[in-house]
C-alpha atoms as a PDB file:
ATOM      1  CA  MET A   1     -76.232-126.713  11.900  1.00  0.00           C
ATOM      2  CA  TYR A   2     -73.649-129.391  12.605  1.00  0.00           C
ATOM      3  CA  ASN A   3     -74.280-132.875  11.365  1.00  0.00           C
ATOM      4  CA  LEU A   4     -73.875-135.727  13.894  1.00  0.00           C
ATOM      5  CA  LYS A   5     -70.713-137.119  12.271  1.00  0.00           C
ATOM      6  CA  LEU A   6     -68.895-133.791  12.611  1.00  0.00           C
ATOM      7  CA  LEU A   7     -69.903-133.448  16.252  1.00  0.00           C
ATOM      8  CA  VAL A   8     -68.563-136.907  17.004  1.00  0.00           C
ATOM      9  CA  ILE A   9     -65.242-136.116  15.296  1.00  0.00           C
ATOM     10  CA  MET A  10     -64.914-132.907  17.312  1.00  0.00           C
ATOM     11  CA  LYS A  11     -65.107-134.695  20.685  1.00  0.00           C
ATOM     12  CA  GLY A  12     -61.762-134.961  22.440  1.00  0.00           C
ATOM     13  CA  ILE A  13     -59.948-132.637  20.028  1.00  0.00           C
ATOM     14  CA  ASP A  14     -57.483-130.293  21.710  1.00  0.00           C
ATOM     15  CA  LEU A  15     -57.728-126.652  20.710  1.00  0.00           C
ATOM     16  CA  THR A  16     -54.298-126.365  19.127  1.00  0.00           C
ATOM     17  CA  PHE A  17     -54.572-124.151  16.054  1.00  0.00           C
ATOM     18  CA  VAL A  18     -55.271-120.573  14.960  1.00  0.00           C
ATOM     19  CA  PHE A  19     -58.189-119.735  12.660  1.00  0.00           C
ATOM     20  CA  ILE A  20     -57.390-116.928  10.163  1.00  0.00           C
ATOM     21  CA  SER A  21     -60.404-114.858   9.111  1.00  0.00           C
ATOM     22  CA  TYR A  22     -59.908-112.623   6.058  1.00  0.00           C
ATOM     23  CA  CYS A  23     -61.410-111.267   2.860  1.00  0.00           C
ATOM     24  CA  HIS A  24     -60.360-113.081  -0.331  1.00  0.00           C
ATOM     25  CA  GLN A  25     -58.977-109.841  -1.807  1.00  0.00           C
ATOM     26  CA  ASP A  26     -56.257-110.117   0.853  1.00  0.00           C
ATOM     27  CA  GLY A  27     -55.436-113.716  -0.097  1.00  0.00           C
ATOM     28  CA  ASP A  28     -51.847-113.049  -1.187  1.00  0.00           C
ATOM     29  CA  TYR A  29     -51.078-111.305   2.092  1.00  0.00           C
ATOM     30  CA  VAL A  30     -52.709-114.083   4.121  1.00  0.00           C
ATOM     31  CA  THR A  31     -50.421-116.623   2.416  1.00  0.00           C
ATOM     32  CA  ARG A  32     -47.381-114.661   3.669  1.00  0.00           C
ATOM     33  CA  LEU A  33     -48.946-114.136   7.099  1.00  0.00           C
ATOM     34  CA  ASN A  34     -49.724-117.849   7.403  1.00  0.00           C
ATOM     35  CA  ALA A  35     -46.109-118.758   6.591  1.00  0.00           C
ATOM     36  CA  ASP A  36     -44.870-116.331   9.250  1.00  0.00           C
ATOM     37  CA  ILE A  37     -47.275-117.671  11.877  1.00  0.00           C
ATOM     38  CA  GLU A  38     -46.202-121.260  11.180  1.00  0.00           C
ATOM     39  CA  LYS A  39     -42.533-120.230  11.250  1.00  0.00           C
ATOM     40  CA  ASN A  40     -43.162-118.961  14.794  1.00  0.00           C
ATOM     41  CA  GLY A  41     -44.411-122.354  15.906  1.00  0.00           C
ATOM     42  CA  PHE A  42     -48.197-122.219  15.527  1.00  0.00           C
ATOM     43  CA  THR A  43     -50.577-124.435  13.566  1.00  0.00           C
ATOM     44  CA  THR A  44     -53.076-122.525  11.383  1.00  0.00           C
ATOM     45  CA  TRP A  45     -56.313-123.054   9.512  1.00  0.00           C
ATOM     46  CA  PHE A  46     -57.935-120.898   6.834  1.00  0.00           C
ATOM     47  CA  ASP A  47     -60.471-121.596   4.110  1.00  0.00           C
ATOM     48  CA  GLN A  48     -57.909-122.467   1.454  1.00  0.00           C
ATOM     49  CA  ARG A  49     -57.502-125.763   3.324  1.00  0.00           C
ATOM     50  CA  ILE A  50     -61.094-126.881   2.827  1.00  0.00           C
ATOM     51  CA  GLU A  51     -60.976-130.138   0.867  1.00  0.00           C
ATOM     52  CA  THR A  52     -62.896-130.495  -2.384  1.00  0.00           C
ATOM     53  CA  GLY A  53     -66.431-131.777  -1.815  1.00  0.00           C
ATOM     54  CA  THR A  54     -66.614-130.656   1.828  1.00  0.00           C
ATOM     55  CA  GLU A  55     -69.673-128.671   2.920  1.00  0.00           C
ATOM     56  CA  TRP A  56     -68.291-125.108   3.117  1.00  0.00           C
ATOM     57  CA  PHE A  57     -70.264-123.850   6.100  1.00  0.00           C
ATOM     58  CA  ASP A  58     -69.792-127.070   8.076  1.00  0.00           C
ATOM     59  CA  ALA A  59     -66.014-126.828   7.545  1.00  0.00           C
ATOM     60  CA  LEU A  60     -65.898-123.205   8.694  1.00  0.00           C
ATOM     61  CA  GLU A  61     -68.086-123.816  11.712  1.00  0.00           C
ATOM     62  CA  GLY A  62     -66.125-126.915  12.660  1.00  0.00           C
ATOM     63  CA  ALA A  63     -62.808-125.059  12.457  1.00  0.00           C
ATOM     64  CA  LEU A  64     -64.193-122.190  14.549  1.00  0.00           C
ATOM     65  CA  GLN A  65     -65.479-124.660  17.153  1.00  0.00           C
ATOM     66  CA  THR A  66     -62.105-126.387  17.498  1.00  0.00           C
ATOM     67  CA  CYS A  67     -59.662-123.467  17.073  1.00  0.00           C
ATOM     68  CA  ALA A  68     -57.825-122.011  20.029  1.00  0.00           C
ATOM     69  CA  ALA A  69     -57.957-118.415  18.788  1.00  0.00           C
ATOM     70  CA  LEU A  70     -59.094-116.281  15.870  1.00  0.00           C
ATOM     71  CA  ILE A  71     -56.874-113.874  13.904  1.00  0.00           C
ATOM     72  CA  VAL A  72     -58.783-111.326  11.834  1.00  0.00           C
ATOM     73  CA  VAL A  73     -57.036-109.567   8.939  1.00  0.00           C
ATOM     74  CA  VAL A  74     -58.496-106.052   8.978  1.00  0.00           C
ATOM     75  CA  SER A  75     -58.652-104.112   5.687  1.00  0.00           C
ATOM     76  CA  GLN A  76     -61.078-101.969   3.712  1.00  0.00           C
ATOM     77  CA  GLU A  77     -62.271-105.119   1.922  1.00  0.00           C
ATOM     78  CA  ALA A  78     -62.764-106.974   5.219  1.00  0.00           C
ATOM     79  CA  GLN A  79     -65.027-104.131   6.416  1.00  0.00           C
ATOM     80  CA  LYS A  80     -67.445-105.064   3.629  1.00  0.00           C
ATOM     81  CA  SER A  81     -67.217-108.844   3.995  1.00  0.00           C
ATOM     82  CA  SER A  82     -70.289-110.583   5.402  1.00  0.00           C
ATOM     83  CA  TRP A  83     -68.276-113.789   5.858  1.00  0.00           C
ATOM     84  CA  VAL A  84     -65.678-112.071   8.053  1.00  0.00           C
ATOM     85  CA  LYS A  85     -68.532-110.722  10.182  1.00  0.00           C
ATOM     86  CA  LYS A  86     -70.130-114.196  10.464  1.00  0.00           C
ATOM     87  CA  GLU A  87     -66.841-115.795  11.469  1.00  0.00           C
ATOM     88  CA  ILE A  88     -66.312-113.162  14.159  1.00  0.00           C
ATOM     89  CA  LEU A  89     -69.834-113.643  15.519  1.00  0.00           C
ATOM     90  CA  MET A  90     -69.390-117.434  15.652  1.00  0.00           C
ATOM     91  CA  ALA A  91     -66.024-117.004  17.407  1.00  0.00           C
ATOM     92  CA  GLU A  92     -67.573-114.632  19.945  1.00  0.00           C
ATOM     93  CA  GLU A  93     -70.348-117.162  20.603  1.00  0.00           C
ATOM     94  CA  GLN A  94     -67.651-119.734  21.349  1.00  0.00           C
ATOM     95  CA  GLN A  95     -65.795-117.155  23.514  1.00  0.00           C
ATOM     96  CA  LYS A  96     -62.622-117.501  21.469  1.00  0.00           C
ATOM     97  CA  PRO A  97     -59.757-115.012  21.912  1.00  0.00           C
ATOM     98  CA  ILE A  98     -59.763-112.664  18.913  1.00  0.00           C
ATOM     99  CA  PHE A  99     -56.689-110.860  17.553  1.00  0.00           C
ATOM    100  CA  PRO A 100     -57.376-108.146  14.908  1.00  0.00           C
ATOM    101  CA  LEU A 101     -54.397-107.322  12.644  1.00  0.00           C
ATOM    102  CA  SER A 102     -54.958-104.041  10.798  1.00  0.00           C
ATOM    103  CA  LEU A 103     -53.309-103.494   7.402  1.00  0.00           C
ATOM    104  CA  ASP A 104     -54.486 -99.921   6.921  1.00  0.00           C
ATOM    105  CA  LYS A 105     -54.684 -98.537  10.472  1.00  0.00           C
ATOM    106  CA  GLN A 106     -58.433 -98.910  10.535  1.00  0.00           C
ATOM    107  CA  LEU A 107     -60.597-100.411  13.251  1.00  0.00           C
ATOM    108  CA  LEU A 108     -62.933-103.157  12.131  1.00  0.00           C
ATOM    109  CA  LYS A 109     -66.459-101.994  12.913  1.00  0.00           C
ATOM    110  CA  PHE A 110     -67.442-105.523  14.045  1.00  0.00           C
ATOM    111  CA  LEU A 111     -64.611-105.409  16.609  1.00  0.00           C
ATOM    112  CA  ILE A 112     -64.620-101.773  17.639  1.00  0.00           C
ATOM    113  CA  THR A 113     -64.046-102.668  21.308  1.00  0.00           C
ATOM    114  CA  LYS A 114     -61.090-104.974  20.613  1.00  0.00           C
ATOM    115  CA  GLN A 115     -57.493-103.746  20.709  1.00  0.00           C
ATOM    116  CA  HIS A 116     -56.146-103.772  17.128  1.00  0.00           C
ATOM    117  CA  LEU A 117     -52.521-104.325  16.188  1.00  0.00           C
ATOM    118  CA  PHE A 118     -51.577-101.849  13.431  1.00  0.00           C
ATOM    119  CA  LEU A 119     -49.050-103.520  11.122  1.00  0.00           C
ATOM    120  CA  GLU A 120     -46.248-101.464   9.590  1.00  0.00           C
ATOM    121  CA  PRO A 121     -44.811-101.536   6.033  1.00  0.00           C
ATOM    122  CA  GLU A 122     -41.306-101.526   7.506  1.00  0.00           C
ATOM    123  CA  SER A 123     -41.919-105.064   8.782  1.00  0.00           C
ATOM    124  CA  ASP A 124     -43.627-106.135   5.540  1.00  0.00           C
ATOM    125  CA  PHE A 125     -46.949-105.952   7.455  1.00  0.00           C
ATOM    126  CA  LEU A 126     -46.016-109.013   9.524  1.00  0.00           C
ATOM    127  CA  PRO A 127     -46.640-109.155  13.289  1.00  0.00           C
ATOM    128  CA  PRO A 128     -43.820-108.378  15.728  1.00  0.00           C
ATOM    129  CA  LEU A 129     -42.471-110.837  18.281  1.00  0.00           C
ATOM    130  CA  ARG A 130     -44.610-109.412  21.090  1.00  0.00           C
ATOM    131  CA  PHE A 131     -47.747-110.467  19.139  1.00  0.00           C
ATOM    132  CA  TYR A 132     -46.595-114.092  19.035  1.00  0.00           C
ATOM    133  CA  LEU A 133     -45.721-114.018  22.715  1.00  0.00           C
ATOM    134  CA  GLU A 134     -49.284-112.883  23.472  1.00  0.00           C
ATOM    135  CA  LEU A 135     -50.769-115.468  21.073  1.00  0.00           C
ATOM    136  CA  ALA A 136     -48.782-118.193  22.841  1.00  0.00           C
ATOM    137  CA  LYS A 137     -50.817-117.553  26.020  1.00  0.00           C
ATOM    138  CA  TYR A 138     -53.844-119.055  24.261  1.00  0.00           C
ATOM    139  CA  VAL A 139     -52.460-121.350  21.550  1.00  0.00           C
ATOM    140  CA  PRO A 140     -49.964-124.220  22.040  1.00  0.00           C
ATOM    141  CA  ARG A 141     -46.686-123.449  20.369  1.00  0.00           C
ATOM    142  CA  THR A 142     -44.142-125.852  18.899  1.00  0.00           C
ATOM    143  CA  PRO A 143     -40.590-124.615  19.450  1.00  0.00           C
ATOM    144  CA  GLN A 144     -38.916-124.039  16.082  1.00  0.00           C
ATOM    145  CA  LEU A 145     -35.489-125.181  17.209  1.00  0.00           C
ATOM    146  CA  VAL A 146     -32.809-127.008  15.238  1.00  0.00           C
ATOM    147  CA  GLU A 147     -31.004-129.586  17.319  1.00  0.00           C
ATOM    148  CA  ARG A 148     -27.236-129.478  17.298  1.00  0.00           C
ATOM    149  CA  PRO A 149     -25.657-132.551  15.717  1.00  0.00           C
ATOM    150  CA  LYS A 150     -24.369-135.176  18.110  1.00  0.00           C
ATOM    151  CA  TYR A 151     -21.116-135.430  16.175  1.00  0.00           C
ATOM    152  CA  GLN A 152     -19.010-133.248  13.957  1.00  0.00           C
ATOM    153  CA  LEU A 153     -16.921-134.174  10.999  1.00  0.00           C
ATOM    154  CA  PHE A 154     -13.963-131.932  11.753  1.00  0.00           C
ATOM    155  CA  ASP A 155     -12.252-130.671  14.890  1.00  0.00           C
ATOM    156  CA  LEU A 156     -12.862-126.965  14.500  1.00  0.00           C
ATOM    157  CA  PRO A 157     -10.698-124.517  16.489  1.00  0.00           C
ATOM    158  CA  THR A 158     -12.406-122.516  19.251  1.00  0.00           C
ATOM    159  CA  LEU A 159     -12.875-118.839  18.386  1.00  0.00           C
ATOM    160  CA  GLY A 160     -10.325-116.641  20.106  1.00  0.00           C
ATOM    161  CA  LYS A 161      -7.973-119.518  20.811  1.00  0.00           C
ATOM    162  CA  LYS A 162      -4.614-119.506  19.087  1.00  0.00           C
ATOM    163  CA  VAL A 163      -3.981-122.618  17.074  1.00  0.00           C
ATOM    164  CA  ASP A 164      -0.446-123.634  16.163  1.00  0.00           C
ATOM    165  CA  THR A 165      -0.565-124.698  12.545  1.00  0.00           C
ATOM    166  CA  PRO A 166       2.530-126.445  11.204  1.00  0.00           C
ATOM    167  CA  PRO A 167       4.000-124.898   8.051  1.00  0.00           C
ATOM    168  CA  LEU A 168       3.063-126.505   4.777  1.00  0.00           C
ATOM    169  CA  GLU A 169       5.648-128.911   3.457  1.00  0.00           C
ATOM    170  CA  VAL A 170       6.671-127.972  -0.092  1.00  0.00           C
ATOM    171  CA  LYS A 171       7.624-131.004  -2.080  1.00  0.00           C
ATOM    172  CA  LYS A 172      10.276-130.611  -4.761  1.00  0.00           C
ATOM    173  CA  VAL A 173       9.127-131.747  -8.166  1.00  0.00           C
ATOM    174  CA  LYS A 174      11.619-132.916 -10.732  1.00  0.00           C
ATOM    175  CA  PRO A 175      11.502-130.911 -13.931  1.00  0.00           C
ATOM    176  CA  SER A 176       9.899-132.646 -16.878  1.00  0.00           C
ATOM    177  CA  THR A 177      12.066-133.891 -19.694  1.00  0.00           C
ATOM    178  CA  ILE A 178      12.608-131.152 -22.276  1.00  0.00           C
ATOM    179  CA  ILE A 179      12.015-132.179 -25.869  1.00  0.00           C
ATOM    180  CA  ARG A 180      14.832-130.687 -27.864  1.00  0.00           C
ATOM    181  CA  ILE A 181      13.926-129.084 -31.149  1.00  0.00           C
ATOM    182  CA  ALA A 182      17.053-130.400 -32.891  1.00  0.00           C
ATOM    183  CA  ASP A 183      16.018-133.996 -32.229  1.00  0.00           C
ATOM    184  CA  TRP A 184      12.786-133.584 -34.136  1.00  0.00           C
ATOM    185  CA  VAL A 185      13.492-130.880 -36.715  1.00  0.00           C
ATOM    186  CA  ASN A 186      14.194-133.388 -39.519  1.00  0.00           C
ATOM    187  CA  CYS A 187      10.655-134.690 -39.166  1.00  0.00           C
ATOM    188  CA  SER A 188       9.287-131.334 -40.370  1.00  0.00           C
ATOM    189  CA  ARG A 189      11.224-131.236 -43.652  1.00  0.00           C
ATOM    190  CA  THR A 190       9.417-131.402 -46.930  1.00  0.00           C
ATOM    191  CA  GLY A 191       8.157-134.862 -47.715  1.00  0.00           C
ATOM    192  CA  THR A 192       8.327-136.091 -44.149  1.00  0.00           C
ATOM    193  CA  ASN A 193       5.081-137.747 -43.133  1.00  0.00           C
ATOM    194  CA  ASP A 194       5.945-138.824 -39.609  1.00  0.00           C
ATOM    195  CA  PHE A 195       2.934-137.689 -37.548  1.00  0.00           C
ATOM    196  CA  TYR A 196       4.538-138.418 -34.195  1.00  0.00           C
ATOM    197  CA  GLY A 197       7.754-136.653 -35.067  1.00  0.00           C
ATOM    198  CA  ILE A 198       6.003-133.489 -36.213  1.00  0.00           C
ATOM    199  CA  ALA A 199       3.722-133.586 -33.171  1.00  0.00           C
ATOM    200  CA  MET A 200       6.763-133.788 -30.894  1.00  0.00           C
ATOM    201  CA  LEU A 201       8.377-130.942 -32.798  1.00  0.00           C
ATOM    202  CA  ALA A 202       5.293-128.808 -32.150  1.00  0.00           C
ATOM    203  CA  LEU A 203       5.539-129.690 -28.489  1.00  0.00           C
ATOM    204  CA  SER A 204       9.209-128.782 -28.309  1.00  0.00           C
ATOM    205  CA  TYR A 205       8.560-125.354 -29.864  1.00  0.00           C
ATOM    206  CA  GLU A 206       5.773-124.796 -27.324  1.00  0.00           C
ATOM    207  CA  GLN A 207       8.118-125.645 -24.468  1.00  0.00           C
ATOM    208  CA  SER A 208      10.637-123.160 -25.771  1.00  0.00           C
ATOM    209  CA  GLY A 209       8.001-120.410 -25.943  1.00  0.00           C
ATOM    210  CA  ALA A 210       7.747-120.273 -29.744  1.00  0.00           C
ATOM    211  CA  HIS A 211       3.975-120.478 -29.811  1.00  0.00           C
ATOM    212  CA  LYS A 212       3.482-119.528 -33.442  1.00  0.00           C
ATOM    213  CA  ARG A 213       5.958-122.158 -34.653  1.00  0.00           C
ATOM    214  CA  ALA A 214       4.344-124.695 -32.329  1.00  0.00           C
ATOM    215  CA  LEU A 215       0.929-123.926 -33.786  1.00  0.00           C
ATOM    216  CA  PHE A 216       2.273-124.250 -37.336  1.00  0.00           C
ATOM    217  CA  PHE A 217       3.612-127.760 -36.755  1.00  0.00           C
ATOM    218  CA  LEU A 218       0.594-128.754 -34.720  1.00  0.00           C
ATOM    219  CA  ARG A 219      -1.648-127.993 -37.691  1.00  0.00           C
ATOM    220  CA  LYS A 220       0.726-129.910 -39.924  1.00  0.00           C
ATOM    221  CA  ALA A 221       0.569-132.885 -37.564  1.00  0.00           C
ATOM    222  CA  GLN A 222      -3.239-132.752 -37.570  1.00  0.00           C
ATOM    223  CA  LYS A 223      -3.244-133.284 -41.326  1.00  0.00           C
ATOM    224  CA  LEU A 224      -1.103-136.387 -40.871  1.00  0.00           C
ATOM    225  CA  GLU A 225      -2.983-137.754 -37.866  1.00  0.00           C
ATOM    226  CA  PRO A 226      -3.378-141.524 -38.339  1.00  0.00           C
END
């Protein structure tokens, strides 16, 4: 039975959301189903959203009173669930539209007279577009549209339209100064401890393509590094 506070809260509430009835063994599937329903513009409610400390039955009954429609996840486990049966009976008492979604091509015995939608593995057991179009007849839907920006950072060419692009200008770069080996070779003689001279000698060998000689003098320069 409703308490007075809950009845007062319910007054004036628009029926704007979908109640999902299911057996807890199908909880993982319901999480995916719920995400798909919301992606298609509908607000949902199912028992995972009951806040801690809330009276369980009051929350269920309140949601069934204020929902716009009931979706029932039909499975072998749901056939055995007394809670699924109770939720269907309460929804029928409130004359709510009921949409059975069957995971295993079975008819729910509590809803034998209702048209079931048999979900297919090819669609990951998610409802097709025609289901959401039918649901929208009973439940308000928020368009899931992304507005185009009012500005754009770049002037993009129109597809199919030829755009004359000027050729790239190639700038000539002056060659770097070549370090001549002869200018620095004396620095590498025995007893020479000029770090900078030997380092420049290593660089000059590298420029000339003598990588092994360049590496030799580079190591020598490392030993003399100040």
